[in-house]
């Protein structure tokens, strides 16, 4: 356990360092791009990209199967079967890419021109972005086997170096948009597409140069393809639901409201994704240990680590979510300069949704460790399908755009508080006592830490006329309240003693 905890801590720190750099670049470029394009063009780009994303939902499911089987064949050591598997998988992805292009240039094109709300005079730019997105989507789909090969060979440093290069190139795109004499939306879409395709070409060159199996021949092995598709079947259902929730909600909003509202939703999602990356990096470091303990039949150890990591994940998210929700407007003003309508309320609801997603994602790890995901693959996507239907119905009946965010919050509350706990109790032999050992400390910490920051928020204009002072005070008090509540109420005495001992050890060595 001590060595496992050290490994988790080390991996988390490494992931955080890389993530902070990339997140800073991403948030900085988003501000400049929004200012350069304007709210309507930014929203238009997000909307047409959402249509393409909807059509490519099957790619995510096949990607999981491709990675698993290429890794398996590599481990088996049969080079001929590995070559056949790669060629079979890539052939399947080429056919899938062509199908997406066909659908995109027929059904998708009709949808964009007849159903989306595009500002007058921007039709050509929107269609240009759409066609370019279709081309990029084809490259992305056919890239999957190459990416899976890099993962299978554990060449993760390539991803690290290339992600940093990608971030630097996106900074260059920002500068190019400002100096370009051409249409800024068309310039942005073109350069963004060129960078993405260039990165994928490099990955392919690297794979062909270093991995023998990546010398492609158009080839199908029916048994191999059947195995991949069977494995990917349950993931396909789940990926469809995720695509509808992520890309589908963007398209839905643009069917009923102007691109400015789409931009507001996209901005809220980007801040939320940045916050979630902190939590995901912690879970990325902890989850392998949970699975390995379960595989070694250390069921109690696996359960204990999952319960602890779930609580820590929730406290980490709360320590971000509370101040973000309370200072949403000045935060967006500092970040973007101009704040599109609905951005603040979208961000507040979305960041609250993330608190429920912590339970949904963390409890899933227990099912993954058990190797039993069928029930979850039916219930979770079904819940999301129903929520998307409810979104469409609410908008059709005249509800405001924020109804989409509220319905999604309810869906994830059901998943995190009801469906996932029932599944891990029935399938992985957890008990309600185990579940309550997560929920009760999280509830206590939330109830204790929220009132004072909210009180300051309600009286902020009276007590803190200066916006910057208001922002700093509310953020500091929120973080302090959550931190103290989590320390005294969220974790037990044994864990506090371990943390104190670890800190003293670090200080003594320093």
Foldseek 3Di string as FASTA:
>chain_A
DVVLVVQLVVLLVVLVVLLVVLLVLVLQLVQLLCVLQPLQLLLLLLQLLLLLLLLCLLLVLLLVLLLVVLLVVVVVVDLVVNLQSLQASLLVLLVSLVVSLVCCVPVVVCCSVPQFDHDPPCVVLSVLLNNLSSVLSSLVSSLSNLVSNCVSVPVCVVVSVLSVVLSVQSVVLSVCLVPDPDNSSNSSSVSNSVSSNVSSVVSLVVCVVPPVSSPYDNDHDPVSVVSSCVSSVLVSLVSSLVSCLVSVLSNLCRSQDRSSVSSLLVVLVSVLVSLVSSLVSSCVSQLVVLLVCVVVVVLVVSLVSLLVSLLVSLLSLQLVLQLCLLLVVVVCCVSNVDRRPPNNVSNNLQSLLVSLVSQLVSLVSLCVSVVHCNVVSPPLSVLSVVLSVVQNVCVVVPDDSCVNSVSSSVSSNCNRVPVSVVVCCVPVVDDVVSVCLRVVLSVQLCVQLNPVLVVCSVCVCVPPVDSVVSSVVSSVSSNVSSVVSCQPRVDDPVVNVVVVVVVVVVVVVD
